[in-house]
């Protein structure tokens, strides 16, 4: 296992305001970052994400890129693997909001599954 994967959001997205869930038209979107993280999860001890040059990210982008990681890995695994050394206070706030929302979505889906199991 290699030690660190460095992910520069601006270099990948080519904009200071990343948006969009999926890259249907071929341009990078949230799923681009999600796939990069998930494809390299077991190959690196840590994944460091840099936001240099990023002014703002939309909630759908953040949910797709980072929130959906929680569908495959626990919040503890997320916190141990992913590092955001240059995230501004606003980016941290936005990331936390996206994580909380995704956790609620996951919990609601689990509750729906368990309530239909009895039928």
PDB file of N, CA and C in Angstrom:
ATOM      1  N   UNK A   1       0.844  -1.182   0.000  1.00  0.00           N
ATOM      2  CA  UNK A   1       0.000   0.000   0.000  1.00  0.00           C
ATOM      3  C   UNK A   1       0.890   1.247   0.000  1.00  0.00           C
ATOM      4  N   UNK A   2       0.568   2.158  -0.887  1.00  0.00           N
ATOM      5  CA  UNK A   2       1.346   3.392  -0.950  1.00  0.00           C
ATOM      6  C   UNK A   2       0.885   4.331   0.153  1.00  0.00           C
ATOM      7  N   UNK A   3       1.718   5.317   0.461  1.00  0.00           N
ATOM      8  CA  UNK A   3       1.410   6.124   1.622  1.00  0.00           C
ATOM      9  C   UNK A   3       0.345   7.184   1.379  1.00  0.00           C
ATOM     10  N   UNK A   4       0.420   7.957   0.296  1.00  0.00           N
ATOM     11  CA  UNK A   4      -0.508   9.077   0.172  1.00  0.00           C
ATOM     12  C   UNK A   4      -0.881   9.368  -1.279  1.00  0.00           C
ATOM     13  N   UNK A   5      -2.170   9.586  -1.500  1.00  0.00           N
ATOM     14  CA  UNK A   5      -2.674  10.080  -2.771  1.00  0.00           C
ATOM     15  C   UNK A   5      -3.056  11.540  -2.552  1.00  0.00           C
ATOM     16  N   UNK A   6      -2.541  12.418  -3.398  1.00  0.00           N
ATOM     17  CA  UNK A   6      -2.873  13.838  -3.306  1.00  0.00           C
ATOM     18  C   UNK A   6      -3.885  14.172  -4.397  1.00  0.00           C
ATOM     19  N   UNK A   7      -5.009  14.738  -3.981  1.00  0.00           N
ATOM     20  CA  UNK A   7      -6.088  15.090  -4.895  1.00  0.00           C
ATOM     21  C   UNK A   7      -6.270  16.605  -4.850  1.00  0.00           C
ATOM     22  N   UNK A   8      -6.026  17.261  -5.982  1.00  0.00           N
ATOM     23  CA  UNK A   8      -6.209  18.709  -6.059  1.00  0.00           C
ATOM     24  C   UNK A   8      -7.517  18.972  -6.805  1.00  0.00           C
ATOM     25  N   UNK A   9      -8.516  19.434  -6.078  1.00  0.00           N
ATOM     26  CA  UNK A   9      -9.853  19.619  -6.648  1.00  0.00           C
ATOM     27  C   UNK A   9      -9.834  20.598  -7.826  1.00  0.00           C
ATOM     28  N   UNK A  10      -9.115  21.697  -7.689  1.00  0.00           N
ATOM     29  CA  UNK A  10      -9.083  22.690  -8.769  1.00  0.00           C
ATOM     30  C   UNK A  10      -8.473  22.106 -10.049  1.00  0.00           C
ATOM     31  N   UNK A  11      -7.371  21.366  -9.906  1.00  0.00           N
ATOM     32  CA  UNK A  11      -6.723  20.782 -11.083  1.00  0.00           C
ATOM     33  C   UNK A  11      -7.636  19.791 -11.804  1.00  0.00           C
ATOM     34  N   UNK A  12      -8.409  19.042 -11.044  1.00  0.00           N
ATOM     35  CA  UNK A  12      -9.300  18.060 -11.650  1.00  0.00           C
ATOM     36  C   UNK A  12     -10.527  18.740 -12.255  1.00  0.00           C
ATOM     37  N   UNK A  13     -11.126  19.654 -11.512  1.00  0.00           N
ATOM     38  CA  UNK A  13     -12.380  20.265 -11.936  1.00  0.00           C
ATOM     39  C   UNK A  13     -12.180  21.415 -12.932  1.00  0.00           C
ATOM     40  N   UNK A  14     -11.010  22.028 -12.910  1.00  0.00           N
ATOM     41  CA  UNK A  14     -10.695  23.147 -13.814  1.00  0.00           C
ATOM     42  C   UNK A  14     -11.634  24.344 -13.637  1.00  0.00           C
ATOM     43  N   UNK A  15     -12.100  24.549 -12.395  1.00  0.00           N
ATOM     44  CA  UNK A  15     -12.931  25.705 -12.069  1.00  0.00           C
ATOM     45  C   UNK A  15     -12.825  25.991 -10.575  1.00  0.00           C
ATOM     46  N   UNK A  16     -13.025  27.242 -10.203  1.00  0.00           N
ATOM     47  CA  UNK A  16     -12.980  27.600  -8.783  1.00  0.00           C
ATOM     48  C   UNK A  16     -14.326  27.362  -8.106  1.00  0.00           C
ATOM     49  N   UNK A  17     -15.348  26.989  -8.905  1.00  0.00           N
ATOM     50  CA  UNK A  17     -16.681  26.750  -8.345  1.00  0.00           C
ATOM     51  C   UNK A  17     -17.242  25.412  -8.843  1.00  0.00           C
ATOM     52  N   UNK A  18     -16.685  24.301  -8.379  1.00  0.00           N
ATOM     53  CA  UNK A  18     -17.158  22.991  -8.831  1.00  0.00           C
ATOM     54  C   UNK A  18     -18.639  22.773  -8.520  1.00  0.00           C
ATOM     55  N   UNK A  19     -19.330  22.149  -9.470  1.00  0.00           N
ATOM     56  CA  UNK A  19     -20.748  21.858  -9.275  1.00  0.00           C
ATOM     57  C   UNK A  19     -21.110  20.603 -10.061  1.00  0.00           C
ATOM     58  N   UNK A  20     -22.306  20.116  -9.815  1.00  0.00           N
ATOM     59  CA  UNK A  20     -22.814  18.971 -10.555  1.00  0.00           C
ATOM     60  C   UNK A  20     -22.509  17.642  -9.900  1.00  0.00           C
ATOM     61  N   UNK A  21     -23.479  16.743  -9.996  1.00  0.00           N
ATOM     62  CA  UNK A  21     -23.319  15.398  -9.441  1.00  0.00           C
ATOM     63  C   UNK A  21     -22.586  14.469 -10.402  1.00  0.00           C
ATOM     64  N   UNK A  22     -23.040  14.461 -11.655  1.00  0.00           N
ATOM     65  CA  UNK A  22     -22.497  13.482 -12.598  1.00  0.00           C
ATOM     66  C   UNK A  22     -21.914  14.157 -13.830  1.00  0.00           C
ATOM     67  N   UNK A  23     -20.937  13.492 -14.412  1.00  0.00           N
ATOM     68  CA  UNK A  23     -20.217  14.039 -15.565  1.00  0.00           C
ATOM     69  C   UNK A  23     -20.798  13.483 -16.857  1.00  0.00           C
ATOM     70  N   UNK A  24     -22.085  13.697 -17.053  1.00  0.00           N
ATOM     71  CA  UNK A  24     -22.775  13.148 -18.221  1.00  0.00           C
ATOM     72  C   UNK A  24     -22.247  13.724 -19.537  1.00  0.00           C
ATOM     73  N   UNK A  25     -21.880  15.005 -19.520  1.00  0.00           N
ATOM     74  CA  UNK A  25     -21.413  15.637 -20.762  1.00  0.00           C
ATOM     75  C   UNK A  25     -19.905  15.491 -20.954  1.00  0.00           C
ATOM     76  N   UNK A  26     -19.262  14.717 -20.087  1.00  0.00           N
ATOM     77  CA  UNK A  26     -17.835  14.494 -20.221  1.00  0.00           C
ATOM     78  C   UNK A  26     -16.979  15.409 -19.363  1.00  0.00           C
ATOM     79  N   UNK A  27     -17.572  16.492 -18.856  1.00  0.00           N
ATOM     80  CA  UNK A  27     -16.799  17.370 -17.982  1.00  0.00           C
ATOM     81  C   UNK A  27     -16.831  16.817 -16.560  1.00  0.00           C
ATOM     82  N   UNK A  28     -15.777  17.060 -15.780  1.00  0.00           N
ATOM     83  CA  UNK A  28     -15.718  16.491 -14.433  1.00  0.00           C
ATOM     84  C   UNK A  28     -16.826  17.039 -13.528  1.00  0.00           C
ATOM     85  N   UNK A  29     -17.277  16.202 -12.611  1.00  0.00           N
ATOM     86  CA  UNK A  29     -18.313  16.584 -11.650  1.00  0.00           C
ATOM     87  C   UNK A  29     -18.051  15.830 -10.344  1.00  0.00           C
ATOM     88  N   UNK A  30     -19.014  15.846  -9.459  1.00  0.00           N
ATOM     89  CA  UNK A  30     -18.844  15.183  -8.164  1.00  0.00           C
ATOM     90  C   UNK A  30     -18.487  13.721  -8.274  1.00  0.00           C
ATOM     91  N   UNK A  31     -19.102  13.029  -9.255  1.00  0.00           N
ATOM     92  CA  UNK A  31     -18.806  11.598  -9.397  1.00  0.00           C
ATOM     93  C   UNK A  31     -17.358  11.350  -9.823  1.00  0.00           C
ATOM     94  N   UNK A  32     -16.730  12.319 -10.455  1.00  0.00           N
ATOM     95  CA  UNK A  32     -15.318  12.194 -10.836  1.00  0.00           C
ATOM     96  C   UNK A  32     -14.460  12.045  -9.578  1.00  0.00           C
ATOM     97  N   UNK A  33     -14.727  12.899  -8.593  1.00  0.00           N
ATOM     98  CA  UNK A  33     -13.972  12.868  -7.334  1.00  0.00           C
ATOM     99  C   UNK A  33     -14.324  11.610  -6.538  1.00  0.00           C
ATOM    100  N   UNK A  34     -15.618  11.276  -6.471  1.00  0.00           N
ATOM    101  CA  UNK A  34     -16.053  10.072  -5.759  1.00  0.00           C
ATOM    102  C   UNK A  34     -15.355   8.831  -6.313  1.00  0.00           C
ATOM    103  N   UNK A  35     -15.346   8.689  -7.625  1.00  0.00           N
ATOM    104  CA  UNK A  35     -14.709   7.520  -8.248  1.00  0.00           C
ATOM    105  C   UNK A  35     -13.214   7.496  -7.977  1.00  0.00           C
ATOM    106  N   UNK A  36     -12.576   8.649  -8.014  1.00  0.00           N
ATOM    107  CA  UNK A  36     -11.140   8.727  -7.723  1.00  0.00           C
ATOM    108  C   UNK A  36     -10.852   8.269  -6.296  1.00  0.00           C
ATOM    109  N   UNK A  37     -11.661   8.736  -5.354  1.00  0.00           N
ATOM    110  CA  UNK A  37     -11.479   8.353  -3.947  1.00  0.00           C
ATOM    111  C   UNK A  37     -11.735   6.856  -3.771  1.00  0.00           C
ATOM    112  N   UNK A  38     -12.864   6.375  -4.281  1.00  0.00           N
ATOM    113  CA  UNK A  38     -13.226   4.964  -4.079  1.00  0.00           C
ATOM    114  C   UNK A  38     -12.279   4.010  -4.796  1.00  0.00           C
ATOM    115  N   UNK A  39     -11.854   4.377  -5.998  1.00  0.00           N
ATOM    116  CA  UNK A  39     -10.940   3.518  -6.758  1.00  0.00           C
ATOM    117  C   UNK A  39      -9.574   3.399  -6.085  1.00  0.00           C
ATOM    118  N   UNK A  40      -9.195   4.397  -5.287  1.00  0.00           N
ATOM    119  CA  UNK A  40      -7.878   4.402  -4.657  1.00  0.00           C
ATOM    120  C   UNK A  40      -7.922   4.141  -3.157  1.00  0.00           C
ATOM    121  N   UNK A  41      -9.094   3.880  -2.611  1.00  0.00           N
ATOM    122  CA  UNK A  41      -9.275   3.732  -1.162  1.00  0.00           C
ATOM    123  C   UNK A  41      -8.320   2.690  -0.570  1.00  0.00           C
ATOM    124  N   UNK A  42      -8.236   1.541  -1.181  1.00  0.00           N
ATOM    125  CA  UNK A  42      -7.415   0.454  -0.626  1.00  0.00           C
ATOM    126  C   UNK A  42      -5.959   0.505  -1.088  1.00  0.00           C
ATOM    127  N   UNK A  43      -5.638   1.440  -1.976  1.00  0.00           N
ATOM    128  CA  UNK A  43      -4.275   1.527  -2.507  1.00  0.00           C
ATOM    129  C   UNK A  43      -3.379   2.469  -1.709  1.00  0.00           C
ATOM    130  N   UNK A  44      -3.991   3.349  -0.894  1.00  0.00           N
ATOM    131  CA  UNK A  44      -3.230   4.367  -0.172  1.00  0.00           C
ATOM    132  C   UNK A  44      -3.611   4.381   1.304  1.00  0.00           C
ATOM    133  N   UNK A  45      -2.612   4.698   2.135  1.00  0.00           N
ATOM    134  CA  UNK A  45      -2.875   4.817   3.563  1.00  0.00           C
ATOM    135  C   UNK A  45      -3.736   6.037   3.851  1.00  0.00           C
ATOM    136  N   UNK A  46      -3.481   7.130   3.120  1.00  0.00           N
ATOM    137  CA  UNK A  46      -4.309   8.315   3.294  1.00  0.00           C
ATOM    138  C   UNK A  46      -4.509   9.017   1.959  1.00  0.00           C
ATOM    139  N   UNK A  47      -5.635   9.702   1.860  1.00  0.00           N
ATOM    140  CA  UNK A  47      -5.971  10.494   0.683  1.00  0.00           C
ATOM    141  C   UNK A  47      -6.091  11.939   1.139  1.00  0.00           C
ATOM    142  N   UNK A  48      -5.208  12.776   0.623  1.00  0.00           N
ATOM    143  CA  UNK A  48      -5.192  14.181   1.002  1.00  0.00           C
ATOM    144  C   UNK A  48      -5.838  14.995  -0.103  1.00  0.00           C
ATOM    145  N   UNK A  49      -6.856  15.750   0.275  1.00  0.00           N
ATOM    146  CA  UNK A  49      -7.622  16.548  -0.681  1.00  0.00           C
ATOM    147  C   UNK A  49      -7.286  18.020  -0.481  1.00  0.00           C
ATOM    148  N   UNK A  50      -6.876  18.673  -1.567  1.00  0.00           N
ATOM    149  CA  UNK A  50      -6.501  20.087  -1.523  1.00  0.00           C
ATOM    150  C   UNK A  50      -7.550  20.930  -2.232  1.00  0.00           C
ATOM    151  N   UNK A  51      -7.869  22.068  -1.623  1.00  0.00           N
ATOM    152  CA  UNK A  51      -8.882  22.974  -2.153  1.00  0.00           C
ATOM    153  C   UNK A  51      -8.294  24.301  -2.614  1.00  0.00           C
ATOM    154  N   UNK A  52      -6.989  24.366  -2.809  1.00  0.00           N
ATOM    155  CA  UNK A  52      -6.355  25.596  -3.269  1.00  0.00           C
ATOM    156  C   UNK A  52      -6.992  26.035  -4.587  1.00  0.00           C
ATOM    157  N   UNK A  53      -7.453  27.277  -4.651  1.00  0.00           N
ATOM    158  CA  UNK A  53      -8.074  27.790  -5.863  1.00  0.00           C
ATOM    159  C   UNK A  53      -9.577  27.603  -5.912  1.00  0.00           C
ATOM    160  N   UNK A  54     -10.135  26.938  -4.909  1.00  0.00           N
ATOM    161  CA  UNK A  54     -11.583  26.711  -4.874  1.00  0.00           C
ATOM    162  C   UNK A  54     -12.249  27.818  -4.067  1.00  0.00           C
ATOM    163  N   UNK A  55     -13.208  28.496  -4.693  1.00  0.00           N
ATOM    164  CA  UNK A  55     -13.939  29.567  -4.014  1.00  0.00           C
ATOM    165  C   UNK A  55     -15.176  29.028  -3.310  1.00  0.00           C
ATOM    166  N   UNK A  56     -15.895  28.126  -3.995  1.00  0.00           N
ATOM    167  CA  UNK A  56     -17.149  27.609  -3.463  1.00  0.00           C
ATOM    168  C   UNK A  56     -17.527  26.341  -4.214  1.00  0.00           C
ATOM    169  N   UNK A  57     -18.190  25.421  -3.514  1.00  0.00           N
ATOM    170  CA  UNK A  57     -18.675  24.186  -4.139  1.00  0.00           C
ATOM    171  C   UNK A  57     -20.155  24.037  -3.825  1.00  0.00           C
ATOM    172  N   UNK A  58     -20.911  23.523  -4.778  1.00  0.00           N
ATOM    173  CA  UNK A  58     -22.341  23.344  -4.548  1.00  0.00           C
ATOM    174  C   UNK A  58     -22.585  22.137  -3.651  1.00  0.00           C
ATOM    175  N   UNK A  59     -23.720  22.134  -2.975  1.00  0.00           N
ATOM    176  CA  UNK A  59     -24.057  21.013  -2.102  1.00  0.00           C
ATOM    177  C   UNK A  59     -24.188  19.707  -2.888  1.00  0.00           C
ATOM    178  N   UNK A  60     -24.834  19.701  -4.084  1.00  0.00           N
ATOM    179  CA  UNK A  60     -24.875  18.436  -4.836  1.00  0.00           C
ATOM    180  C   UNK A  60     -23.477  17.912  -5.176  1.00  0.00           C
ATOM    181  N   UNK A  61     -22.550  18.803  -5.516  1.00  0.00           N
ATOM    182  CA  UNK A  61     -21.179  18.382  -5.806  1.00  0.00           C
ATOM    183  C   UNK A  61     -20.553  17.759  -4.560  1.00  0.00           C
ATOM    184  N   UNK A  62     -20.666  18.443  -3.426  1.00  0.00           N
ATOM    185  CA  UNK A  62     -20.079  17.939  -2.183  1.00  0.00           C
ATOM    186  C   UNK A  62     -20.687  16.601  -1.771  1.00  0.00           C
ATOM    187  N   UNK A  63     -22.002  16.479  -1.925  1.00  0.00           N
ATOM    188  CA  UNK A  63     -22.654  15.222  -1.557  1.00  0.00           C
ATOM    189  C   UNK A  63     -22.167  14.080  -2.436  1.00  0.00           C
ATOM    190  N   UNK A  64     -22.109  14.334  -3.735  1.00  0.00           N
ATOM    191  CA  UNK A  64     -21.680  13.281  -4.667  1.00  0.00           C
ATOM    192  C   UNK A  64     -20.209  12.928  -4.452  1.00  0.00           C
ATOM    193  N   UNK A  65     -19.358  13.944  -4.325  1.00  0.00           N
ATOM    194  CA  UNK A  65     -17.912  13.733  -4.237  1.00  0.00           C
ATOM    195  C   UNK A  65     -17.480  13.132  -2.908  1.00  0.00           C
ATOM    196  N   UNK A  66     -18.063  13.602  -1.814  1.00  0.00           N
ATOM    197  CA  UNK A  66     -17.599  13.190  -0.486  1.00  0.00           C
ATOM    198  C   UNK A  66     -18.663  12.468   0.331  1.00  0.00           C
ATOM    199  N   UNK A  67     -19.896  12.960   0.288  1.00  0.00           N
ATOM    200  CA  UNK A  67     -20.964  12.353   1.082  1.00  0.00           C
ATOM    201  C   UNK A  67     -21.197  10.899   0.742  1.00  0.00           C
ATOM    202  N   UNK A  68     -21.194  10.582  -0.543  1.00  0.00           N
ATOM    203  CA  UNK A  68     -21.489   9.208  -0.960  1.00  0.00           C
ATOM    204  C   UNK A  68     -20.387   8.216  -0.595  1.00  0.00           C
ATOM    205  N   UNK A  69     -19.229   8.719  -0.174  1.00  0.00           N
ATOM    206  CA  UNK A  69     -18.181   7.824   0.342  1.00  0.00           C
ATOM    207  C   UNK A  69     -18.735   7.080   1.562  1.00  0.00           C
ATOM    208  N   UNK A  70     -19.641   7.755   2.293  1.00  0.00           N
ATOM    209  CA  UNK A  70     -20.203   7.155   3.511  1.00  0.00           C
ATOM    210  C   UNK A  70     -21.147   5.996   3.217  1.00  0.00           C
ATOM    211  N   UNK A  71     -21.506   5.802   1.958  1.00  0.00           N
ATOM    212  CA  UNK A  71     -22.322   4.640   1.610  1.00  0.00           C
ATOM    213  C   UNK A  71     -21.483   3.365   1.568  1.00  0.00           C
ATOM    214  N   UNK A  72     -20.158   3.529   1.468  1.00  0.00           N
ATOM    215  CA  UNK A  72     -19.262   2.371   1.400  1.00  0.00           C
ATOM    216  C   UNK A  72     -18.348   2.254   2.618  1.00  0.00           C
ATOM    217  N   UNK A  73     -18.155   3.384   3.327  1.00  0.00           N
ATOM    218  CA  UNK A  73     -17.219   3.403   4.457  1.00  0.00           C
ATOM    219  C   UNK A  73     -17.841   4.167   5.624  1.00  0.00           C
ATOM    220  N   UNK A  74     -17.485   3.768   6.833  1.00  0.00           N
ATOM    221  CA  UNK A  74     -18.021   4.435   8.021  1.00  0.00           C
ATOM    222  C   UNK A  74     -17.432   5.836   8.162  1.00  0.00           C
ATOM    223  N   UNK A  75     -18.056   6.634   9.011  1.00  0.00           N
ATOM    224  CA  UNK A  75     -17.550   7.990   9.260  1.00  0.00           C
ATOM    225  C   UNK A  75     -16.153   7.924   9.882  1.00  0.00           C
ATOM    226  N   UNK A  76     -15.900   6.908  10.712  1.00  0.00           N
ATOM    227  CA  UNK A  76     -14.564   6.759  11.309  1.00  0.00           C
ATOM    228  C   UNK A  76     -13.528   6.446  10.229  1.00  0.00           C
ATOM    229  N   UNK A  77     -13.867   5.549   9.309  1.00  0.00           N
ATOM    230  CA  UNK A  77     -12.956   5.229   8.204  1.00  0.00           C
ATOM    231  C   UNK A  77     -12.704   6.470   7.352  1.00  0.00           C
ATOM    232  N   UNK A  78     -13.769   7.219   7.096  1.00  0.00           N
ATOM    233  CA  UNK A  78     -13.669   8.463   6.327  1.00  0.00           C
ATOM    234  C   UNK A  78     -12.671   9.413   6.990  1.00  0.00           C
ATOM    235  N   UNK A  79     -12.854   9.611   8.300  1.00  0.00           N
ATOM    236  CA  UNK A  79     -11.995  10.549   9.033  1.00  0.00           C
ATOM    237  C   UNK A  79     -10.545  10.081   9.127  1.00  0.00           C
ATOM    238  N   UNK A  80     -10.334   8.777   9.139  1.00  0.00           N
ATOM    239  CA  UNK A  80      -8.964   8.261   9.198  1.00  0.00           C
ATOM    240  C   UNK A  80      -8.270   8.333   7.844  1.00  0.00           C
ATOM    241  N   UNK A  81      -9.024   8.142   6.763  1.00  0.00           N
ATOM    242  CA  UNK A  81      -8.425   8.050   5.431  1.00  0.00           C
ATOM    243  C   UNK A  81      -8.284   9.406   4.743  1.00  0.00           C
ATOM    244  N   UNK A  82      -9.318  10.238   4.837  1.00  0.00           N
ATOM    245  CA  UNK A  82      -9.342  11.503   4.096  1.00  0.00           C
ATOM    246  C   UNK A  82      -8.854  12.660   4.950  1.00  0.00           C
ATOM    247  N   UNK A  83      -8.009  13.480   4.339  1.00  0.00           N
ATOM    248  CA  UNK A  83      -7.449  14.642   5.036  1.00  0.00           C
ATOM    249  C   UNK A  83      -7.640  15.875   4.159  1.00  0.00           C
ATOM    250  N   UNK A  84      -7.981  16.984   4.815  1.00  0.00           N
ATOM    251  CA  UNK A  84      -8.264  18.241   4.117  1.00  0.00           C
ATOM    252  C   UNK A  84      -7.431  19.361   4.734  1.00  0.00           C
ATOM    253  N   UNK A  85      -6.106  19.357   4.500  1.00  0.00           N
ATOM    254  CA  UNK A  85      -5.221  20.267   5.228  1.00  0.00           C
ATOM    255  C   UNK A  85      -5.422  21.754   4.939  1.00  0.00           C
ATOM    256  N   UNK A  86      -5.877  22.111   3.747  1.00  0.00           N
ATOM    257  CA  UNK A  86      -5.992  23.536   3.430  1.00  0.00           C
ATOM    258  C   UNK A  86      -7.443  24.004   3.304  1.00  0.00           C
ATOM    259  N   UNK A  87      -8.375  23.213   3.843  1.00  0.00           N
ATOM    260  CA  UNK A  87      -9.787  23.580   3.758  1.00  0.00           C
ATOM    261  C   UNK A  87     -10.069  24.803   4.619  1.00  0.00           C
ATOM    262  N   UNK A  88     -10.705  25.792   4.022  1.00  0.00           N
ATOM    263  CA  UNK A  88     -11.095  26.996   4.765  1.00  0.00           C
ATOM    264  C   UNK A  88     -12.225  26.651   5.728  1.00  0.00           C
ATOM    265  N   UNK A  89     -12.517  27.570   6.634  1.00  0.00           N
ATOM    266  CA  UNK A  89     -13.624  27.350   7.572  1.00  0.00           C
ATOM    267  C   UNK A  89     -14.926  27.111   6.823  1.00  0.00           C
ATOM    268  N   UNK A  90     -15.142  27.839   5.720  1.00  0.00           N
ATOM    269  CA  UNK A  90     -16.373  27.680   4.946  1.00  0.00           C
ATOM    270  C   UNK A  90     -16.433  26.306   4.279  1.00  0.00           C
ATOM    271  N   UNK A  91     -15.311  25.859   3.748  1.00  0.00           N
ATOM    272  CA  UNK A  91     -15.284  24.535   3.109  1.00  0.00           C
ATOM    273  C   UNK A  91     -15.530  23.447   4.153  1.00  0.00           C
ATOM    274  N   UNK A  92     -14.925  23.580   5.331  1.00  0.00           N
ATOM    275  CA  UNK A  92     -15.159  22.609   6.403  1.00  0.00           C
ATOM    276  C   UNK A  92     -16.636  22.589   6.782  1.00  0.00           C
ATOM    277  N   UNK A  93     -17.235  23.770   6.904  1.00  0.00           N
ATOM    278  CA  UNK A  93     -18.660  23.872   7.237  1.00  0.00           C
ATOM    279  C   UNK A  93     -19.509  23.206   6.154  1.00  0.00           C
ATOM    280  N   UNK A  94     -19.196  23.471   4.896  1.00  0.00           N
ATOM    281  CA  UNK A  94     -19.941  22.884   3.786  1.00  0.00           C
ATOM    282  C   UNK A  94     -19.777  21.362   3.742  1.00  0.00           C
ATOM    283  N   UNK A  95     -18.542  20.882   3.966  1.00  0.00           N
ATOM    284  CA  UNK A  95     -18.299  19.431   4.002  1.00  0.00           C
ATOM    285  C   UNK A  95     -19.085  18.775   5.134  1.00  0.00           C
ATOM    286  N   UNK A  96     -19.054  19.386   6.311  1.00  0.00           N
ATOM    287  CA  UNK A  96     -19.790  18.833   7.449  1.00  0.00           C
ATOM    288  C   UNK A  96     -21.287  18.772   7.157  1.00  0.00           C
ATOM    289  N   UNK A  97     -21.807  19.819   6.522  1.00  0.00           N
ATOM    290  CA  UNK A  97     -23.221  19.834   6.154  1.00  0.00           C
ATOM    291  C   UNK A  97     -23.558  18.709   5.195  1.00  0.00           C
ATOM    292  N   UNK A  98     -22.698  18.501   4.210  1.00  0.00           N
ATOM    293  CA  UNK A  98     -22.919  17.428   3.234  1.00  0.00           C
ATOM    294  C   UNK A  98     -22.850  16.056   3.904  1.00  0.00           C
ATOM    295  N   UNK A  99     -21.919  15.881   4.839  1.00  0.00           N
ATOM    296  CA  UNK A  99     -21.779  14.597   5.537  1.00  0.00           C
ATOM    297  C   UNK A  99     -23.018  14.312   6.384  1.00  0.00           C
ATOM    298  N   UNK A 100     -23.479  15.322   7.117  1.00  0.00           N
ATOM    299  CA  UNK A 100     -24.653  15.131   7.982  1.00  0.00           C
ATOM    300  C   UNK A 100     -25.883  14.778   7.155  1.00  0.00           C
ATOM    301  N   UNK A 101     -26.062  15.462   6.042  1.00  0.00           N
ATOM    302  CA  UNK A 101     -27.204  15.186   5.176  1.00  0.00           C
ATOM    303  C   UNK A 101     -27.130  13.766   4.619  1.00  0.00           C
ATOM    304  N   UNK A 102     -25.956  13.340   4.165  1.00  0.00           N
ATOM    305  CA  UNK A 102     -25.803  11.990   3.611  1.00  0.00           C
ATOM    306  C   UNK A 102     -26.047  10.933   4.684  1.00  0.00           C
ATOM    307  N   UNK A 103     -25.570  11.179   5.909  1.00  0.00           N
ATOM    308  CA  UNK A 103     -25.807  10.225   6.995  1.00  0.00           C
ATOM    309  C   UNK A 103     -27.298  10.088   7.279  1.00  0.00           C
ATOM    310  N   UNK A 104     -28.049  11.192   7.212  1.00  0.00           N
ATOM    311  CA  UNK A 104     -29.504  11.132   7.401  1.00  0.00           C
ATOM    312  C   UNK A 104     -30.160  10.329   6.283  1.00  0.00           C
ATOM    313  N   UNK A 105     -29.694  10.520   5.054  1.00  0.00           N
ATOM    314  CA  UNK A 105     -30.243   9.786   3.912  1.00  0.00           C
ATOM    315  C   UNK A 105     -29.980   8.290   4.077  1.00  0.00           C
ATOM    316  N   UNK A 106     -28.763   7.934   4.488  1.00  0.00           N
ATOM    317  CA  UNK A 106     -28.400   6.528   4.697  1.00  0.00           C
ATOM    318  C   UNK A 106     -29.255   5.924   5.809  1.00  0.00           C
ATOM    319  N   UNK A 107     -29.415   6.662   6.911  1.00  0.00           N
ATOM    320  CA  UNK A 107     -30.207   6.167   8.042  1.00  0.00           C
ATOM    321  C   UNK A 107     -31.664   5.968   7.630  1.00  0.00           C
ATOM    322  N   UNK A 108     -32.228   6.914   6.891  1.00  0.00           N
ATOM    323  CA  UNK A 108     -33.616   6.797   6.443  1.00  0.00           C
ATOM    324  C   UNK A 108     -33.785   5.584   5.532  1.00  0.00           C
ATOM    325  N   UNK A 109     -32.822   5.351   4.649  1.00  0.00           N
ATOM    326  CA  UNK A 109     -32.889   4.194   3.749  1.00  0.00           C
ATOM    327  C   UNK A 109     -32.823   2.889   4.542  1.00  0.00           C
ATOM    328  N   UNK A 110     -31.963   2.862   5.565  1.00  0.00           N
ATOM    329  CA  UNK A 110     -31.846   1.658   6.396  1.00  0.00           C
ATOM    330  C   UNK A 110     -33.140   1.403   7.164  1.00  0.00           C
ATOM    331  N   UNK A 111     -33.756   2.487   7.647  1.00  0.00           N
ATOM    332  CA  UNK A 111     -35.010   2.341   8.389  1.00  0.00           C
ATOM    333  C   UNK A 111     -36.126   1.837   7.475  1.00  0.00           C
ATOM    334  N   UNK A 112     -36.160   2.333   6.235  1.00  0.00           N
ATOM    335  CA  UNK A 112     -37.158   1.864   5.275  1.00  0.00           C
ATOM    336  C   UNK A 112     -36.950   0.379   4.976  1.00  0.00           C
ATOM    337  N   UNK A 113     -35.679  -0.022   4.804  1.00  0.00           N
ATOM    338  CA  UNK A 113     -35.386  -1.432   4.532  1.00  0.00           C
ATOM    339  C   UNK A 113     -35.829  -2.320   5.679  1.00  0.00           C
ATOM    340  N   UNK A 114     -35.507  -1.906   6.911  1.00  0.00           N
ATOM    341  CA  UNK A 114     -35.840  -2.741   8.060  1.00  0.00           C
ATOM    342  C   UNK A 114     -37.352  -2.781   8.299  1.00  0.00           C
ATOM    343  N   UNK A 115     -38.075  -1.715   7.947  1.00  0.00           N
ATOM    344  CA  UNK A 115     -39.525  -1.732   8.152  1.00  0.00           C
ATOM    345  C   UNK A 115     -40.225  -2.574   7.091  1.00  0.00           C
ATOM    346  N   UNK A 116     -39.615  -2.744   5.934  1.00  0.00           N
ATOM    347  CA  UNK A 116     -40.237  -3.572   4.889  1.00  0.00           C
ATOM    348  C   UNK A 116     -39.806  -5.030   5.015  1.00  0.00           C
ATOM    349  N   UNK A 117     -38.798  -5.322   5.824  1.00  0.00           N
ATOM    350  CA  UNK A 117     -38.336  -6.699   5.989  1.00  0.00           C
ATOM    351  C   UNK A 117     -39.401  -7.581   6.623  1.00  0.00           C
ATOM    352  N   UNK A 118     -40.278  -6.973   7.429  1.00  0.00           N
ATOM    353  CA  UNK A 118     -41.294  -7.748   8.129  1.00  0.00           C
ATOM    354  C   UNK A 118     -42.471  -8.129   7.263  1.00  0.00           C
ATOM    355  N   UNK A 119     -42.546  -7.638   6.055  1.00  0.00           N
ATOM    356  CA  UNK A 119     -43.702  -7.910   5.182  1.00  0.00           C
ATOM    357  C   UNK A 119     -43.428  -9.002   4.205  1.00  0.00           C
TER     358      UNK A 119
END
